């Protein structure tokens, strides 16, 4: 426990400069790009004269030299004030709170599908390397991995929503469904089936190949040969001796892919019309809404830091010999 607390404290201290670099970096990326939120607003509403644009910049607080705006922006972040979205005229914290749960349900479920199925299929393939089962599982996984997620999603929509009408076409919930209780939970779960599969199946091959390679390395190790010499059951050797050591690269990949899944969810959210975190980031970029974009990026950074902290703690549980 003491070791875990030291790790948590060290990781949280390391997160402070990371968040500072990310916040300042996003600010200057927006500054370097041509135009601002007023230009985006005027382009979408038919334009206006220079006086109108100046008045909007004064009202929205984006007028003046960048050092002053950077100072005001950092001061707000230090007081945990994410500010007001210019595009939505709402507090950024409220927008993020409304959207992030949908994305977390999508990405966590998709990651669970990818890692879970990849681990199981990797163990099944490695149990008999070179067999028909091994070749079939590996081939199917590679085909899915080579297929873009949006294409898998569109095919799933065409088959299960349009042709068979088994699952909802889009959105996160139905208008006539209950808004609370088990009825709401089941309705949201039905809407998430297709996007979760579209997101998870495209990443499954990575985990399957990692697990298969780890299992084959473990099969040639001394401790596995000793376990076989002792007469232990093959199933126990497979899962308790080989799989536990082989799963470490899979756990590493979960931490690495946590950020890419958050970014890649925007495509799936667009295909299935899910009001999520990824679409919010896209809308912030198109509207040149710096305040909203910074809030989204910082929140995503915090999520990635927390995921990698959980991965480090899991390392210590799976293999106490690892110093993290």
Protein backbone atom coordinates (compact mmCIF):
# COMPACT_ATOMS: atom_id res chain seq x y z
CA UNK A 1 0.00 0.00 0.00
CA UNK A 2 2.83 2.39 0.88
CA UNK A 3 4.42 1.72 -2.49
CA UNK A 4 1.14 2.48 -4.27
CA UNK A 5 0.70 5.77 -2.41
CA UNK A 6 4.21 6.86 -3.34
CA UNK A 7 3.48 6.04 -6.98
CA UNK A 8 0.21 7.99 -6.95
CA UNK A 9 1.87 11.03 -5.37
CA UNK A 10 4.75 10.96 -7.87
CA UNK A 11 2.45 10.63 -10.87
CA UNK A 12 0.20 13.47 -9.70
CA UNK A 13 3.19 15.76 -9.22
CA UNK A 14 4.44 14.85 -12.69
CA UNK A 15 1.01 15.67 -14.12
CA UNK A 16 1.25 19.36 -13.14
CA UNK A 17 3.94 20.38 -15.70
CA UNK A 18 2.29 18.13 -18.30
CA UNK A 19 -1.03 19.96 -17.93
CA UNK A 20 0.76 23.33 -18.05
CA UNK A 21 2.57 22.45 -21.27
CA UNK A 22 -0.64 21.16 -22.85
CA UNK A 23 -2.62 24.27 -21.89
CA UNK A 24 0.00 26.71 -23.19
CA UNK A 25 0.58 24.61 -26.31
CA UNK A 26 -3.12 24.60 -27.24
CA UNK A 27 -3.28 28.37 -26.70
CA UNK A 28 -0.42 29.05 -29.12
CA UNK A 29 -1.70 26.56 -31.69
CA UNK A 30 -4.96 28.48 -31.82
CA UNK A 31 -3.06 31.78 -31.94
CA UNK A 32 -0.94 30.62 -34.90
CA UNK A 33 -3.97 29.57 -36.91
CA UNK A 34 -5.58 32.31 -39.01
CA UNK A 35 -8.82 33.83 -37.75
CA UNK A 36 -10.58 33.57 -34.39
CA UNK A 37 -14.00 32.79 -32.90
CA UNK A 38 -15.45 36.07 -34.23
CA UNK A 39 -14.34 35.25 -37.78
CA UNK A 40 -15.91 31.79 -37.51
CA UNK A 41 -19.14 33.27 -36.13
CA UNK A 42 -19.38 35.92 -38.85
CA UNK A 43 -18.66 33.38 -41.57
CA UNK A 44 -21.53 31.18 -40.34
CA UNK A 45 -24.01 34.07 -40.01
CA UNK A 46 -23.35 35.89 -43.26
CA UNK A 47 -20.68 38.34 -42.18
CA UNK A 48 -20.64 41.88 -40.78
CA UNK A 49 -18.62 45.07 -40.76
CA UNK A 50 -15.40 45.78 -38.88
CA UNK A 51 -17.18 47.70 -36.10
CA UNK A 52 -19.42 44.72 -35.38
CA UNK A 53 -16.43 42.39 -35.30
CA UNK A 54 -14.59 44.72 -32.90
CA UNK A 55 -17.59 44.91 -30.59
CA UNK A 56 -17.87 41.12 -30.52
CA UNK A 57 -14.18 40.73 -29.69
CA UNK A 58 -14.58 43.16 -26.80
CA UNK A 59 -17.67 41.39 -25.49
CA UNK A 60 -16.07 37.95 -25.77
CA UNK A 61 -12.78 39.07 -24.23
CA UNK A 62 -10.56 38.03 -27.13
CA UNK A 63 -9.30 41.49 -28.05
CA UNK A 64 -5.81 42.74 -27.33
CA UNK A 65 -2.28 41.37 -27.38
CA UNK A 66 -1.71 37.69 -26.76
CA UNK A 67 0.38 38.09 -23.54
CA UNK A 68 -2.55 39.70 -21.73
CA UNK A 69 -4.99 37.07 -22.98
CA UNK A 70 -2.58 34.28 -22.07
CA UNK A 71 -2.21 35.65 -18.55
CA UNK A 72 -5.97 35.94 -18.07
CA UNK A 73 -6.46 32.48 -19.52
CA UNK A 74 -3.86 30.85 -17.20
CA UNK A 75 -5.26 32.70 -14.17
CA UNK A 76 -8.70 31.25 -14.87
CA UNK A 77 -7.23 27.75 -15.15
CA UNK A 78 -5.40 28.14 -11.83
CA UNK A 79 -8.72 28.94 -10.17
CA UNK A 80 -10.29 25.87 -11.88
CA UNK A 81 -12.48 28.15 -13.98
CA UNK A 82 -12.72 26.72 -17.49
CA UNK A 83 -14.61 29.80 -18.65
CA UNK A 84 -17.57 30.34 -20.95
CA UNK A 85 -17.92 28.72 -24.35
CA UNK A 86 -18.26 31.33 -27.09
CA UNK A 87 -19.92 28.97 -29.53
CA UNK A 88 -22.52 27.53 -27.13
CA UNK A 89 -22.87 30.46 -24.64
CA UNK A 90 -22.60 27.99 -21.76
CA UNK A 91 -19.97 27.23 -19.13
CA UNK A 92 -17.34 24.87 -20.52
CA UNK A 93 -17.57 22.67 -17.43
CA UNK A 94 -21.29 22.11 -18.07
CA UNK A 95 -20.72 21.19 -21.72
CA UNK A 96 -17.97 18.74 -20.82
CA UNK A 97 -20.05 17.18 -18.03
CA UNK A 98 -22.96 16.68 -20.45
CA UNK A 99 -20.83 14.97 -23.09
CA UNK A 100 -18.01 13.12 -21.34
CA UNK A 101 -20.13 10.34 -19.85
CA UNK A 102 -21.29 9.26 -23.32
CA UNK A 103 -17.71 9.10 -24.58
CA UNK A 104 -16.49 7.27 -21.48
CA UNK A 105 -19.20 4.64 -21.91
CA UNK A 106 -18.25 4.26 -25.57
CA UNK A 107 -14.46 4.18 -25.19
CA UNK A 108 -14.30 2.07 -22.02
CA UNK A 109 -16.70 -0.48 -23.51
CA UNK A 110 -14.86 -0.45 -26.83
CA UNK A 111 -11.52 -0.90 -25.09
CA UNK A 112 -13.00 -3.71 -23.02
CA UNK A 113 -14.26 -5.46 -26.15
CA UNK A 114 -10.92 -5.04 -27.93
CA UNK A 115 -8.75 -6.14 -25.00
CA UNK A 116 -11.13 -8.85 -23.76
CA UNK A 117 -11.74 -10.54 -27.10
CA UNK A 118 -8.13 -10.02 -28.15
CA UNK A 119 -6.86 -11.67 -24.97
CA UNK A 120 -9.23 -14.64 -25.22
CA UNK A 121 -8.57 -15.19 -28.93
CA UNK A 122 -4.83 -14.74 -28.40
CA UNK A 123 -4.80 -17.46 -25.76
CA UNK A 124 -6.94 -19.72 -27.96
CA UNK A 125 -4.63 -19.19 -30.94
CA UNK A 126 -1.45 -19.76 -28.92
CA UNK A 127 -2.80 -22.95 -27.36
CA UNK A 128 -2.32 -24.65 -30.73
CA UNK A 129 0.08 -22.56 -32.84
CA UNK A 130 -0.04 -23.26 -36.55
CA UNK A 131 -3.44 -24.98 -36.35
CA UNK A 132 -6.48 -24.09 -38.41
CA UNK A 133 -7.94 -22.31 -35.38
CA UNK A 134 -4.80 -20.21 -35.03
CA UNK A 135 -4.78 -19.25 -38.71
CA UNK A 136 -8.52 -18.49 -38.73
CA UNK A 137 -8.48 -16.30 -35.62
CA UNK A 138 -5.39 -14.41 -36.77
CA UNK A 139 -6.79 -13.86 -40.27
CA UNK A 140 -10.14 -12.55 -39.05
CA UNK A 141 -8.44 -10.20 -36.58
CA UNK A 142 -6.11 -8.80 -39.24
CA UNK A 143 -9.02 -8.16 -41.62
CA UNK A 144 -10.93 -6.30 -38.91
CA UNK A 145 -7.84 -4.30 -37.96
CA UNK A 146 -7.27 -3.28 -41.59
CA UNK A 147 -10.88 -2.11 -41.95
CA UNK A 148 -11.58 1.50 -40.88
CA UNK A 149 -13.86 1.83 -37.88
CA UNK A 150 -16.36 4.05 -39.69
CA UNK A 151 -16.71 1.42 -42.44
CA UNK A 152 -17.41 -1.30 -39.87
CA UNK A 153 -19.93 1.03 -38.27
CA UNK A 154 -21.69 1.78 -41.55
CA UNK A 155 -21.91 -1.92 -42.41
CA UNK A 156 -23.30 -2.68 -38.97
CA UNK A 157 -25.88 0.09 -39.35
CA UNK A 158 -26.93 -1.18 -42.75
CA UNK A 159 -27.34 -4.76 -41.55
CA UNK A 160 -28.64 -4.54 -37.99
CA UNK A 161 -30.51 -1.22 -38.08
CA UNK A 162 -31.75 -0.81 -41.66
CA UNK A 163 -32.19 -4.36 -42.94
CA UNK A 164 -33.00 -6.32 -39.77
CA UNK A 165 -34.24 -3.41 -37.58
CA UNK A 166 -32.84 -5.11 -34.46
CA UNK A 167 -30.95 -2.14 -33.05
CA UNK A 168 -31.41 1.67 -33.03
CA UNK A 169 -30.06 3.65 -35.95
CA UNK A 170 -28.32 6.47 -34.09
CA UNK A 171 -28.20 8.58 -30.97
CA UNK A 172 -27.57 7.61 -27.35
CA UNK A 173 -31.19 7.10 -26.27
CA UNK A 174 -34.71 7.04 -27.69
CA UNK A 175 -37.07 9.97 -27.25
CA UNK A 176 -39.91 7.76 -26.00
CA UNK A 177 -37.69 5.69 -23.67
CA UNK A 178 -37.67 6.12 -19.87
CA UNK A 179 -35.26 8.82 -18.69
CA UNK A 180 -34.25 7.01 -15.51
CA UNK A 181 -34.14 3.57 -13.94
CA UNK A 182 -33.42 0.22 -15.59
CA UNK A 183 -35.46 1.17 -18.65
CA UNK A 184 -33.07 4.02 -19.40
CA UNK A 185 -30.02 1.81 -18.79
CA UNK A 186 -31.25 -0.85 -21.21
CA UNK A 187 -32.14 1.75 -23.82
CA UNK A 188 -28.66 3.33 -23.67
CA UNK A 189 -27.07 -0.13 -23.78
CA UNK A 190 -28.99 -0.98 -26.98
CA UNK A 191 -27.81 2.26 -28.60
CA UNK A 192 -24.18 1.53 -27.65
CA UNK A 193 -23.98 -2.03 -29.01
CA UNK A 194 -23.11 -1.10 -32.59
CA UNK A 195 -20.72 1.81 -31.89
CA UNK A 196 -18.89 -0.22 -29.23
CA UNK A 197 -18.44 -3.14 -31.62
CA UNK A 198 -17.34 -0.82 -34.43
CA UNK A 199 -14.76 0.79 -32.15
CA UNK A 200 -13.58 -2.36 -30.40
CA UNK A 201 -13.33 -4.81 -33.27
CA UNK A 202 -10.96 -2.59 -35.23
CA UNK A 203 -8.43 -2.64 -32.34
CA UNK A 204 -8.89 -6.29 -31.38
CA UNK A 205 -6.11 -7.64 -33.63
CA UNK A 206 -3.44 -5.64 -31.78
CA UNK A 207 -4.28 -7.24 -28.44
CA UNK A 208 -4.68 -10.67 -29.99
CA UNK A 209 -1.23 -10.56 -31.59
CA UNK A 210 0.37 -9.26 -28.39
CA UNK A 211 -1.28 -11.96 -26.30
CA UNK A 212 -0.43 -14.72 -28.77
CA UNK A 213 3.23 -13.65 -28.93
CA UNK A 214 3.44 -13.42 -25.14
CA UNK A 215 1.89 -16.86 -24.73
CA UNK A 216 4.36 -18.41 -27.15
CA UNK A 217 7.30 -16.83 -25.29
CA UNK A 218 5.92 -18.06 -21.98
CA UNK A 219 5.45 -21.57 -23.36
CA UNK A 220 9.21 -21.84 -23.95
CA UNK A 221 10.16 -20.60 -20.45
CA UNK A 222 11.65 -22.70 -17.69
CA UNK A 223 8.83 -22.22 -15.20
CA UNK A 224 6.27 -23.57 -17.69
CA UNK A 225 8.43 -26.63 -18.36
CA UNK A 226 8.73 -27.14 -14.61
CA UNK A 227 4.95 -26.88 -14.18
CA UNK A 228 4.45 -29.47 -16.89
CA UNK A 229 7.02 -31.76 -15.28
CA UNK A 230 5.09 -31.54 -12.02
CA UNK A 231 2.01 -32.84 -13.81
CA UNK A 232 -0.17 -29.73 -13.45
CA UNK A 233 -3.33 -29.61 -15.53
CA UNK A 234 -2.81 -28.02 -18.97
CA UNK A 235 -5.65 -25.53 -18.37
CA UNK A 236 -4.07 -24.37 -15.12
CA UNK A 237 -0.67 -23.97 -16.81
CA UNK A 238 -2.30 -22.06 -19.66
CA UNK A 239 -4.17 -19.51 -17.57
CA UNK A 240 -2.30 -19.23 -14.26
CA UNK A 241 1.31 -19.60 -15.43
CA UNK A 242 1.38 -18.44 -19.04
CA UNK A 243 -1.46 -15.95 -19.41
CA UNK A 244 -0.61 -13.89 -16.32
CA UNK A 245 2.88 -13.14 -17.62
CA UNK A 246 1.82 -12.79 -21.24
CA UNK A 247 -0.86 -10.21 -20.43
CA UNK A 248 1.62 -7.49 -19.40
CA UNK A 249 2.13 -6.19 -22.99
CA UNK A 250 -1.66 -6.12 -23.37
CA UNK A 251 -1.96 -3.95 -20.26
CA UNK A 252 0.75 -1.66 -21.66
CA UNK A 253 -1.14 -1.28 -24.92
CA UNK A 254 -4.32 -0.34 -23.04
CA UNK A 255 -2.49 2.62 -21.55
CA UNK A 256 -0.99 3.61 -24.90
CA UNK A 257 -4.30 3.40 -26.75
CA UNK A 258 -6.37 5.26 -24.19
CA UNK A 259 -5.50 8.58 -25.81
CA UNK A 260 -5.99 7.36 -29.38
CA UNK A 261 -9.40 5.93 -28.51
CA UNK A 262 -10.50 9.26 -27.07
CA UNK A 263 -9.40 10.98 -30.27
CA UNK A 264 -10.68 8.27 -32.58
CA UNK A 265 -14.11 8.23 -30.96
CA UNK A 266 -15.04 11.38 -32.90
CA UNK A 267 -15.45 9.32 -36.09
CA UNK A 268 -17.67 6.71 -34.43
CA UNK A 269 -19.65 9.42 -32.64
CA UNK A 270 -20.24 11.16 -35.97
CA UNK A 271 -21.33 7.96 -37.74
CA UNK A 272 -23.79 7.05 -34.97
CA UNK A 273 -24.77 10.66 -34.08
CA UNK A 274 -23.68 10.29 -30.46
CA UNK A 275 -23.33 13.59 -28.58
CA UNK A 276 -19.93 12.84 -27.09
CA UNK A 277 -16.59 14.31 -26.15
CA UNK A 278 -15.04 13.80 -29.58
CA UNK A 279 -17.78 15.68 -31.40
CA UNK A 280 -17.51 18.47 -28.84
CA UNK A 281 -13.81 18.82 -29.66
CA UNK A 282 -14.61 18.90 -33.38
CA UNK A 283 -17.22 21.62 -32.86
CA UNK A 284 -14.75 23.63 -30.75
CA UNK A 285 -12.16 23.49 -33.54
CA UNK A 286 -14.58 24.45 -36.32
CA UNK A 287 -15.98 27.34 -34.26
CA UNK A 288 -12.47 28.45 -33.19
CA UNK A 289 -13.71 28.35 -29.59
CA UNK A 290 -10.41 28.50 -27.67
CA UNK A 291 -12.00 28.30 -24.23
CA UNK A 292 -13.97 25.18 -25.07
CA UNK A 293 -11.10 23.53 -26.94
CA UNK A 294 -8.69 24.04 -24.03
CA UNK A 295 -11.22 22.59 -21.61
CA UNK A 296 -11.71 19.54 -23.82
CA UNK A 297 -7.98 18.96 -24.31
CA UNK A 298 -7.19 19.41 -20.61
CA UNK A 299 -9.98 17.06 -19.59
CA UNK A 300 -8.76 14.48 -22.11
CA UNK A 301 -5.21 14.86 -20.80
CA UNK A 302 -6.38 14.26 -17.23
CA UNK A 303 -8.24 11.14 -18.32
CA UNK A 304 -5.13 9.77 -20.04
CA UNK A 305 -3.00 10.51 -16.97
CA UNK A 306 -5.48 8.69 -14.73
CA UNK A 307 -5.63 5.70 -17.07
CA UNK A 308 -1.84 5.39 -17.14
CA UNK A 309 -1.74 5.70 -13.34
CA UNK A 310 -4.21 2.82 -13.11
CA UNK A 311 -2.03 0.83 -15.53
CA UNK A 312 1.05 1.41 -13.35
CA UNK A 313 -0.84 0.22 -10.27
CA UNK A 314 -2.04 -2.83 -12.18
CA UNK A 315 1.56 -3.64 -13.12
CA UNK A 316 2.47 -3.89 -9.46
CA UNK A 317 -0.42 -6.28 -8.87
CA UNK A 318 0.29 -8.54 -11.84
CA UNK A 319 4.05 -8.67 -11.28
CA UNK A 320 5.36 -7.33 -7.94
CA UNK A 321 8.92 -7.51 -9.28
CA UNK A 322 8.26 -4.53 -11.57
CA UNK A 323 9.39 -1.17 -10.22
CA UNK A 324 7.06 1.57 -11.52
